[in-house]
Protein backbone atom coordinates (compact mmCIF):
# COMPACT_ATOMS: atom_id res chain seq x y z
CA MET A 1 159.24 -16.06 98.10
CA ALA A 2 162.80 -16.52 96.86
CA ARG A 3 163.68 -12.92 97.69
CA ALA A 4 162.33 -13.32 101.21
CA ALA A 5 164.24 -16.57 101.75
CA ALA A 6 167.44 -15.03 100.42
CA ALA A 7 167.08 -12.21 102.90
CA GLY A 8 166.74 -14.73 105.71
CA LYS A 9 163.19 -13.58 106.49
CA LEU A 10 160.09 -15.61 105.69
CA ASP A 11 156.65 -14.08 105.84
CA TRP A 12 154.03 -16.68 106.69
CA ASN A 13 151.59 -14.88 104.37
CA ASP A 14 153.72 -16.13 101.44
CA TRP A 15 152.84 -19.71 102.41
CA LEU A 16 149.12 -19.16 102.76
CA PRO A 17 146.66 -19.98 99.97
CA ARG A 18 144.65 -17.07 98.58
CA GLY A 19 141.49 -18.13 100.39
CA ASN A 20 143.21 -17.86 103.75
CA ALA A 21 142.60 -14.09 103.94
CA ALA A 22 138.92 -14.86 104.48
CA PHE A 23 139.87 -17.32 107.24
CA LEU A 24 142.07 -14.64 108.84
CA ARG A 25 139.23 -12.11 108.81
CA GLY A 26 136.78 -14.63 110.24
CA ALA A 27 139.18 -15.76 112.96
CA PHE A 28 139.90 -12.18 113.96
CA GLY A 29 136.19 -11.35 114.07
CA LEU A 30 135.66 -14.28 116.44
CA LEU A 31 138.58 -13.11 118.59
CA ALA A 32 137.20 -9.56 118.75
CA ALA A 33 133.73 -10.82 119.70
CA ILE A 34 135.17 -13.04 122.46
CA THR A 35 137.25 -10.10 123.71
CA ASP A 36 134.17 -7.86 123.97
CA ALA A 37 132.19 -10.58 125.75
CA ALA A 38 135.05 -11.20 128.19
CA CYS A 39 135.36 -7.45 128.91
CA ILE A 40 131.64 -7.15 129.64
CA LEU A 41 131.66 -10.23 131.89
CA LEU A 42 134.74 -8.87 133.67
CA GLY A 43 132.99 -5.53 134.16
CA ALA A 44 129.95 -7.25 135.68
CA LEU A 45 132.08 -9.29 138.10
CA VAL A 46 134.24 -6.32 139.08
CA ALA A 47 131.15 -4.20 139.68
CA GLY A 48 129.16 -6.79 141.64
CA VAL A 49 131.88 -8.57 143.61
CA GLY A 50 133.95 -5.44 144.16
CA TYR A 51 131.01 -3.41 145.46
CA HIS A 52 129.75 -6.14 147.78
CA LEU A 53 133.22 -6.81 149.19
CA ALA A 54 133.74 -3.10 149.87
CA ALA A 55 130.27 -2.47 151.27
CA TYR A 56 129.33 -5.73 153.00
CA GLY A 57 132.49 -7.82 153.25
CA TRP A 58 131.20 -10.68 151.09
CA PRO A 59 131.24 -11.24 147.29
CA GLY A 60 127.46 -11.13 146.87
CA PRO A 61 125.33 -13.22 144.49
CA VAL A 62 128.11 -14.05 142.02
CA GLU A 63 125.81 -16.20 139.88
CA ALA A 64 123.53 -13.21 139.32
CA PHE A 65 126.49 -11.06 138.26
CA VAL A 66 127.65 -13.74 135.79
CA HIS A 67 124.13 -14.01 134.38
CA LEU A 68 123.95 -10.22 134.00
CA GLY A 69 127.34 -10.07 132.25
CA LEU A 70 126.62 -12.94 129.87
CA SER A 71 123.16 -11.59 128.96
CA VAL A 72 124.41 -8.09 128.20
CA ALA A 73 127.46 -9.51 126.38
CA LEU A 74 125.24 -11.65 124.14
CA VAL A 75 123.11 -8.67 123.07
CA PHE A 76 126.16 -6.41 122.62
CA VAL A 77 128.12 -8.94 120.55
CA VAL A 78 125.15 -9.89 118.33
CA ALA A 79 124.48 -6.20 117.64
CA ASN A 80 128.13 -5.65 116.71
CA VAL A 81 128.11 -8.69 114.43
CA MET A 82 125.03 -7.36 112.64
CA ARG A 83 126.65 -3.98 112.02
CA GLU A 84 129.95 -5.67 111.02
CA ASP A 85 131.94 -3.87 113.68
CA TYR A 86 134.30 -6.82 114.11
CA ALA A 87 135.72 -6.47 110.60
CA LEU A 88 139.51 -6.61 110.73
CA ALA A 89 139.73 -3.47 108.59
CA HIS A 90 138.26 -1.43 111.49
CA PHE A 91 141.16 -2.31 113.78
CA PHE A 92 144.01 -0.64 111.94
CA ARG A 93 143.31 2.57 113.88
CA PHE A 94 141.59 3.38 117.17
CA ARG A 95 139.72 6.42 115.93
CA GLY A 96 135.96 5.85 115.96
CA HIS A 97 135.97 2.87 118.32
CA ALA A 98 135.13 4.88 121.44
CA ARG A 99 132.19 6.65 119.76
CA ARG A 100 130.72 3.49 118.21
CA THR A 101 131.18 1.52 121.42
CA LEU A 102 129.62 4.23 123.60
CA ILE A 103 126.55 4.52 121.38
CA LEU A 104 125.89 0.77 121.39
CA TRP A 105 126.79 0.37 125.08
CA ASN A 106 124.26 3.06 126.03
CA LEU A 107 121.58 1.42 123.89
CA VAL A 108 122.26 -2.06 125.28
CA SER A 109 122.36 -0.73 128.86
CA VAL A 110 118.98 0.98 128.48
CA CYS A 111 117.47 -2.17 126.95
CA ALA A 112 118.89 -4.32 129.77
CA LEU A 113 117.47 -1.99 132.42
CA ALA A 114 114.07 -1.95 130.73
CA TYR A 115 114.03 -5.75 130.43
CA GLY A 116 115.07 -6.19 134.06
CA PHE A 117 112.41 -3.75 135.22
CA LEU A 118 109.60 -5.36 133.20
CA THR A 119 110.52 -8.95 134.16
CA LYS A 120 111.52 -8.06 137.76
CA THR A 121 114.80 -9.97 137.38
CA THR A 122 117.09 -7.35 138.91
CA GLY A 123 116.07 -7.89 142.53
CA ASP A 124 119.43 -9.40 143.50
CA ILE A 125 121.43 -6.61 141.86
CA SER A 126 121.72 -3.22 143.58
CA ARG A 127 121.53 0.11 141.80
CA ALA A 128 125.13 0.82 142.81
CA THR A 129 126.24 -2.42 141.12
CA ILE A 130 124.38 -1.48 137.93
CA LEU A 131 125.98 1.97 137.86
CA ILE A 132 129.47 0.59 138.49
CA PHE A 133 128.87 -2.09 135.85
CA TYR A 134 127.95 0.59 133.30
CA LEU A 135 131.21 2.46 133.93
CA ALA A 136 133.46 -0.58 134.40
CA GLY A 137 132.01 -2.38 131.39
CA PHE A 138 132.57 0.57 129.10
CA ALA A 139 136.12 1.08 130.40
CA ALA A 140 136.89 -2.62 129.88
CA LEU A 141 135.48 -2.53 126.34
CA ILE A 142 137.61 0.49 125.42
CA GLY A 143 140.68 -1.17 126.94
CA GLY A 144 140.00 -4.35 124.99
CA ARG A 145 139.56 -2.44 121.72
CA ALA A 146 142.78 -0.49 122.33
CA LEU A 147 144.66 -3.75 122.94
CA LEU A 148 143.28 -5.31 119.76
CA VAL A 149 144.18 -2.24 117.68
CA ARG A 150 147.69 -2.18 119.11
CA THR A 151 148.13 -5.90 118.37
CA VAL A 152 146.84 -5.56 114.81
CA LEU A 153 149.12 -2.60 114.10
CA HIS A 154 152.12 -4.46 115.52
CA ARG A 155 151.45 -7.56 113.45
CA ALA A 156 150.72 -5.49 110.34
CA SER A 157 154.02 -3.61 110.73
CA ALA A 158 155.78 -6.96 110.97
CA GLY A 159 154.03 -8.11 107.80
CA SER A 160 152.07 -10.88 109.54
CA ILE A 161 148.65 -9.49 108.63
CA ALA A 162 147.70 -8.73 105.06
CA LEU A 163 144.08 -8.12 104.13
CA ARG A 164 144.84 -7.23 100.53
CA ARG A 165 147.57 -8.21 98.09
CA VAL A 166 148.36 -5.14 96.00
CA PHE A 167 150.29 -4.52 92.78
CA LEU A 168 151.76 -1.02 92.25
CA VAL A 169 152.26 0.62 88.85
CA GLY A 170 154.02 3.94 88.30
CA SER A 171 157.34 5.66 87.97
CA GLU A 172 160.08 4.76 90.43
CA ALA A 173 159.68 8.09 92.24
CA GLU A 174 155.90 7.66 92.51
CA ILE A 175 156.22 4.14 93.90
CA ASP A 176 158.83 5.22 96.47
CA SER A 177 156.70 8.21 97.48
CA PHE A 178 153.61 6.03 97.92
CA ALA A 179 155.50 3.53 100.08
CA SER A 180 157.17 6.14 102.31
CA ARG A 181 154.09 8.35 102.68
CA TYR A 182 151.40 5.73 103.30
CA LYS A 183 153.31 2.68 104.58
CA PRO A 184 150.69 0.36 103.04
CA TRP A 185 151.75 -2.62 105.15
CA GLU A 186 150.44 -0.75 108.21
CA SER A 187 146.99 -0.68 106.57
CA GLY A 188 146.90 -4.40 105.97
CA MET A 189 148.29 -4.33 102.43
CA GLN A 190 150.93 -6.71 101.15
CA VAL A 191 152.76 -5.28 98.13
CA VAL A 192 153.32 -8.34 95.94
CA ALA A 193 155.18 -6.43 93.21
CA ALA A 194 155.80 -2.96 91.79
CA ALA A 195 156.03 -2.36 88.03
CA VAL A 196 158.13 0.67 87.08
CA LEU A 197 157.02 2.77 84.09
CA ARG A 198 160.16 4.26 82.54
CA GLY A 199 158.51 6.84 80.30
CA ALA A 200 156.26 7.48 77.31
CA ASP A 201 158.65 5.85 74.84
CA THR A 202 158.58 2.45 76.60
CA LEU A 203 155.07 2.68 78.06
CA THR A 204 153.54 -0.02 75.87
CA ASP A 205 156.28 -2.56 76.61
CA ASP A 206 156.35 -1.72 80.33
CA LEU A 207 152.59 -2.17 80.65
CA ALA A 208 152.59 -5.44 78.72
CA LEU A 209 155.20 -6.85 81.11
CA ALA A 210 153.37 -5.43 84.15
CA ALA A 211 150.02 -6.93 83.08
CA ALA A 212 151.63 -10.33 82.51
CA SER A 213 153.28 -10.20 85.94
CA SER A 214 150.04 -9.26 87.66
CA ARG A 215 148.18 -12.14 86.01
CA MET A 216 150.79 -14.51 87.43
CA LEU A 217 150.75 -12.98 90.93
CA ARG A 218 146.93 -12.57 91.04
CA PRO A 219 146.77 -9.52 93.34
CA ASP A 220 143.52 -8.33 94.91
CA ASP A 221 144.13 -4.73 93.86
CA VAL A 222 146.15 -2.80 91.29
CA PHE A 223 147.14 0.77 92.20
CA ILE A 224 147.93 3.11 89.29
CA LEU A 225 150.19 5.78 90.81
CA ALA A 226 150.40 8.14 87.84
CA PRO A 227 149.23 11.74 88.51
CA TRP A 228 145.55 12.22 87.74
CA SER A 229 146.48 14.96 85.27
CA ASP A 230 148.42 12.40 83.17
CA SER A 231 145.30 11.06 81.45
CA ALA A 232 147.24 9.35 78.64
CA THR A 233 149.23 7.15 81.05
CA ILE A 234 146.16 6.41 83.17
CA ASP A 235 144.09 5.39 80.12
CA ALA A 236 146.89 3.13 78.92
CA CYS A 237 147.21 1.51 82.37
CA ILE A 238 143.46 0.90 82.59
CA ASP A 239 143.42 -0.66 79.10
CA SER A 240 146.24 -3.01 80.13
CA PHE A 241 144.92 -4.05 83.55
CA VAL A 242 141.19 -4.18 82.84
CA ARG A 243 141.69 -7.79 81.70
CA VAL A 244 143.39 -8.72 85.00
CA PRO A 245 140.94 -10.17 87.61
CA ALA A 246 141.68 -7.50 90.23
CA SER A 247 140.25 -4.23 91.50
CA ILE A 248 141.82 -1.20 89.82
CA HIS A 249 142.47 2.00 91.79
CA LEU A 250 143.84 5.39 90.90
CA GLY A 251 146.51 6.16 93.47
CA PRO A 252 145.79 8.89 96.04
CA GLU A 253 146.42 12.49 95.01
CA ARG A 254 147.66 15.13 97.45
CA VAL A 255 144.16 16.59 97.64
CA LEU A 256 142.95 13.36 99.28
CA ASP A 257 145.55 13.78 102.04
CA ARG A 258 144.13 17.20 102.86
CA PHE A 259 140.53 15.96 103.02
CA GLY A 260 140.19 12.67 104.86
CA ASP A 261 136.48 12.21 104.05
CA ALA A 262 136.85 12.66 100.28
CA ARG A 263 134.74 10.21 98.28
CA ILE A 264 133.20 9.70 94.86
CA GLU A 265 129.60 10.88 94.76
CA LYS A 266 127.00 10.60 92.05
CA ILE A 267 124.21 13.18 91.67
CA GLY A 268 122.01 12.04 88.83
CA ALA A 269 124.31 11.47 85.86
CA VAL A 270 127.10 13.60 87.33
CA SER A 271 130.00 11.88 89.15
CA SER A 272 132.24 14.04 91.30
CA LEU A 273 134.96 13.84 93.93
CA HIS A 274 133.25 15.05 97.10
CA ILE A 275 136.09 16.49 99.21
CA VAL A 276 134.29 18.57 101.89
CA ARG A 277 130.87 17.77 103.31
CA ARG A 278 128.43 20.35 104.60
CA PRO A 279 129.45 20.78 108.27
CA LEU A 280 125.98 20.07 109.70
CA SER A 281 122.88 18.70 108.01
CA ALA A 282 119.54 20.51 108.30
CA GLY A 283 118.46 18.11 111.04
CA GLU A 284 121.70 18.57 112.97
CA VAL A 285 121.39 22.37 112.70
CA ALA A 286 117.85 22.20 114.10
CA LEU A 287 118.91 19.86 116.94
CA LYS A 288 121.88 22.05 117.90
CA ARG A 289 119.79 25.24 117.72
CA GLY A 290 117.03 23.77 119.88
CA PHE A 291 119.53 22.62 122.49
CA ASP A 292 121.30 26.01 122.48
CA PHE A 293 118.06 27.94 122.93
CA LEU A 294 116.74 25.83 125.81
CA VAL A 295 120.04 25.79 127.71
CA ALA A 296 120.66 29.52 127.12
CA CYS A 297 117.18 30.40 128.44
CA ALA A 298 117.71 28.34 131.58
CA ALA A 299 121.24 29.72 132.08
CA VAL A 300 120.16 33.37 131.77
CA PHE A 301 117.39 32.80 134.32
CA LEU A 302 119.68 31.02 136.80
CA LEU A 303 122.62 33.42 136.36
CA LEU A 304 120.62 36.65 136.59
CA PRO A 305 121.70 37.33 140.23
CA LEU A 306 125.36 36.84 139.21
CA PHE A 307 124.89 39.20 136.26
CA LEU A 308 123.60 41.90 138.61
CA LEU A 309 126.53 41.46 141.02
CA VAL A 310 129.09 41.60 138.20
CA ALA A 311 127.45 44.70 136.73
CA LEU A 312 127.60 46.41 140.11
CA ALA A 313 131.30 45.51 140.57
CA ILE A 314 132.18 46.87 137.12
CA LYS A 315 130.39 50.15 137.73
CA LEU A 316 131.96 50.62 141.16
CA GLU A 317 135.53 50.10 139.93
CA SER A 318 135.66 52.23 136.79
CA ARG A 319 133.60 54.55 134.65
CA GLY A 320 132.05 53.20 131.48
CA PRO A 321 129.38 50.76 130.34
CA VAL A 322 128.83 47.36 131.92
CA PHE A 323 128.84 45.55 128.57
CA PHE A 324 131.47 45.58 125.86
CA LEU A 325 130.26 45.19 122.28
CA GLN A 326 132.66 44.32 119.48
CA ARG A 327 132.19 43.31 115.87
CA ARG A 328 133.06 39.70 115.10
CA TYR A 329 132.56 37.36 112.15
CA GLY A 330 129.92 34.68 112.66
CA PHE A 331 128.48 31.92 110.51
CA ASN A 332 129.33 32.35 106.81
CA GLN A 333 131.58 35.32 107.78
CA GLU A 334 128.52 37.45 108.55
CA PRO A 335 129.46 40.20 111.06
CA PHE A 336 127.63 40.59 114.36
CA ARG A 337 128.26 42.35 117.67
CA ILE A 338 129.42 40.08 120.46
CA VAL A 339 128.35 40.95 124.03
CA LYS A 340 130.81 40.62 126.92
CA PHE A 341 131.19 42.07 130.39
CA ARG A 342 133.60 44.98 130.10
CA SER A 343 136.96 43.88 131.51
CA MET A 344 139.20 46.72 130.17
CA HIS A 345 139.43 50.48 130.42
CA THR A 346 139.36 50.68 126.60
CA MET A 347 136.65 49.70 124.09
CA ASP A 348 138.74 48.87 120.99
CA ASP A 349 136.69 47.98 117.92
CA GLY A 350 138.48 49.55 114.97
CA ARG A 351 140.79 48.41 112.21
CA HIS A 352 143.62 47.96 114.73
CA VAL A 353 142.72 46.01 117.88
CA PRO A 354 145.74 45.12 120.07
CA GLN A 355 145.52 41.55 121.37
CA ALA A 356 145.27 41.08 125.12
CA GLN A 357 148.63 40.18 126.65
CA GLU A 358 149.67 38.81 130.02
CA ASN A 359 149.54 41.60 132.66
CA ASP A 360 147.85 43.86 130.10
CA PRO A 361 147.53 47.34 131.68
CA ARG A 362 144.17 47.84 129.93
CA VAL A 363 142.56 45.10 132.04
CA THR A 364 140.83 46.29 135.21
CA ARG A 365 141.14 44.47 138.53
CA VAL A 366 137.56 43.22 138.33
CA GLY A 367 138.13 42.40 134.66
CA ARG A 368 141.17 40.27 135.47
CA PHE A 369 139.06 38.12 137.78
CA LEU A 370 136.23 37.91 135.25
CA ARG A 371 138.58 36.81 132.48
CA ARG A 372 140.33 34.19 134.61
CA ALA A 373 136.98 32.68 135.64
CA ASN A 374 135.47 32.99 132.13
CA ILE A 375 132.64 35.07 133.61
CA ASP A 376 133.21 37.90 131.10
CA GLU A 377 131.93 35.56 128.35
CA LEU A 378 128.56 34.81 129.98
CA PRO A 379 126.60 37.70 128.37
CA GLN A 380 127.15 35.90 125.06
CA LEU A 381 124.19 33.79 126.13
CA LEU A 382 122.21 36.70 124.67
CA ASN A 383 124.00 36.15 121.35
CA VAL A 384 123.00 32.49 121.58
CA LEU A 385 119.35 33.42 122.16
CA THR A 386 119.35 35.67 119.09
CA GLY A 387 120.89 32.91 116.98
CA GLU A 388 124.18 34.70 116.27
CA MET A 389 126.23 32.23 118.33
CA SER A 390 126.08 28.70 119.69
CA LEU A 391 127.02 27.42 123.12
CA VAL A 392 129.85 25.41 121.54
CA GLY A 393 131.86 26.32 118.45
CA PRO A 394 135.05 28.05 117.32
CA ARG A 395 135.67 31.21 119.36
CA PRO A 396 135.17 34.34 117.21
CA HIS A 397 137.99 36.89 116.92
CA ALA A 398 137.87 40.62 116.34
CA LEU A 399 137.40 41.52 112.67
CA ALA A 400 140.88 43.01 112.46
CA HIS A 401 142.45 39.81 113.82
CA ASP A 402 140.24 37.58 111.66
CA GLN A 403 141.39 39.22 108.46
CA MET A 404 145.03 38.95 109.52
CA PHE A 405 144.80 35.31 110.65
CA GLU A 406 143.11 34.26 107.40
CA GLN A 407 146.26 35.30 105.53
CA GLN A 408 148.51 33.33 107.90
CA ILE A 409 146.76 29.98 108.36
CA ALA A 410 145.43 27.70 105.64
CA PHE A 411 141.75 26.77 106.02
CA TYR A 412 141.35 29.38 108.77
CA ALA A 413 138.15 30.63 107.11
CA ARG A 414 136.56 27.17 107.51
CA ARG A 415 135.99 28.12 111.16
CA HIS A 416 133.07 30.21 109.89
CA ASN A 417 131.29 27.19 108.42
CA VAL A 418 129.50 26.79 111.77
CA LYS A 419 128.26 29.33 114.29
CA PRO A 420 130.91 30.64 116.70
CA GLY A 421 130.64 29.45 120.29
CA ILE A 422 130.97 30.72 123.83
CA THR A 423 133.35 27.82 124.40
CA GLY A 424 135.04 25.37 122.07
CA TRP A 425 137.31 22.35 121.68
CA ALA A 426 140.38 24.59 121.50
CA GLN A 427 139.48 26.43 124.72
CA VAL A 428 138.94 23.31 126.83
CA ASN A 429 142.36 22.10 125.67
CA GLY A 430 144.02 25.25 127.05
CA LEU A 431 144.38 26.99 123.66
CA ARG A 432 143.03 30.39 124.60
CA GLY A 433 144.40 33.82 125.39
CA ASP A 434 147.37 35.24 123.51
CA SER A 435 147.53 33.94 119.92
CA SER A 436 150.26 36.24 118.66
CA SER A 437 152.55 33.31 117.82
CA GLU A 438 151.77 31.38 114.64
CA GLU A 439 152.31 28.05 116.44
CA ALA A 440 149.65 28.84 119.07
CA LEU A 441 147.23 30.09 116.44
CA ARG A 442 147.77 27.06 114.22
CA ALA A 443 147.09 24.69 117.14
CA ARG A 444 143.89 26.57 117.95
CA VAL A 445 142.68 26.42 114.34
CA GLU A 446 143.48 22.70 114.08
CA HIS A 447 141.32 22.02 117.14
CA ASP A 448 138.50 24.15 115.73
CA LEU A 449 138.57 22.31 112.41
CA TYR A 450 138.63 18.97 114.22
CA TYR A 451 135.47 20.03 116.04
CA ILE A 452 133.74 20.98 112.79
CA ASP A 453 134.66 17.71 111.09
CA ASN A 454 133.64 15.55 114.07
CA TRP A 455 130.60 17.36 115.44
CA SER A 456 127.98 15.51 117.43
CA MET A 457 125.66 16.40 120.31
CA THR A 458 127.74 14.10 122.51
CA PHE A 459 130.84 16.11 121.56
CA ASP A 460 129.05 19.37 122.48
CA LEU A 461 128.02 17.99 125.87
CA LYS A 462 131.59 16.82 126.53
CA ILE A 463 132.96 20.29 125.75
CA LEU A 464 130.38 21.99 127.99
CA LEU A 465 131.28 19.70 130.89
CA LEU A 466 135.01 20.27 130.34
CA THR A 467 134.40 24.02 130.22
CA ILE A 468 133.01 23.86 133.75
CA PHE A 469 135.11 21.17 135.37
CA SER A 470 138.43 20.95 133.48
CA GLY A 471 141.38 23.00 134.67
CA LYS A 472 142.62 23.39 131.08
CA ALA A 473 139.62 25.57 130.25
CA TYR A 474 140.88 28.20 132.69
CA ARG A 475 144.52 28.27 131.55
CA ASN A 476 146.22 31.07 129.66
CA ALA A 477 143.55 33.66 130.48
CA VAL A 478 144.87 37.21 129.99
């Protein structure tokens, strides 16, 4: 407190009693719930009044729209309270809010429609109003969440929000590194003090002073920032702070920065640091495979006339087979032969496969059109039917390129932890075509790994829709 006053800057958290953190969390939860309810009510009014003014020139049955908004808001807010989604800790980053909100919004919308249908209480509300309400309500909810996250981050950066009072222990370099790398105040932490360990010779005295200071300051958490390999220092720190009424943490190692989902896991009597999860569970694999098979069957049947026309065009322009087969690595780096419409005069599949370049003379005129429209990839539906590929996943590269890229890019081989896809997250973001530069390749791999770590059926459907309708999916074709 004295240091803050001397600097001419007072943090109101210094004046609050320890129990006020609970009040802060409760008050914020109430604010978040009110914000969601207001967004849903706003969406209902915008949908109902806006549609009726545009279509009929009058605002419509406003009371019915208010009743709809309040009813849906009540169910939505209660469900979020039950799953503790209004916890202040969730609002230090936006990631995850859209997915959680969409899932609950869909569920609540279906329940509201079913209730309205069974009780016949939707007679005054048109289908167009309901559809607009679904879209406007979701958009308003996402906007409200984004505003709350931005406000929390701003107040946390200013030091006005502190969920936890933390006490740091470590060498001066380790403490400085922790502060600069993680900026704990942006995660709702208030660093109440930092005890510097000067070395092995003074460790006992330093820890005695640090433990005494922490008992006076009564932090919520103590972070031991010594390297995990320094077991002697860590054991000494634990022995000193175990008598302090606070949670004790080992500070984050570099390995935890590389794997965001790392966690302690216990299998029987064995405790381990779980750093990488299996990409898809057995149930998720079955769901994805079933979806792939059904969609691929329907697509092959519907696209058969197009296949015949493309085959005829290829044969009329140049001599050679209609299909191009090339060895690629699939799931678990198991090789398979990918099927494509032939778009070049050559059929390279050896140890040295030149990458396609812009205005590549090997590409035929028909092939150039096929590649720009992504039609050359459609025969890979056959690979999907045989189980070698998926509709969505990291795009497979020629074996020669795969082996080269694996030496250049860290974690490149993780792309093979799922089946390769006809399209992928990298492709719909315009990261396709020439990957001769390390920067382009690294961006493509980062998008592929993001897909693996965040897979869901909703994500697959989004990528499929973007593949068809987004202009980015057709960029950089060579």
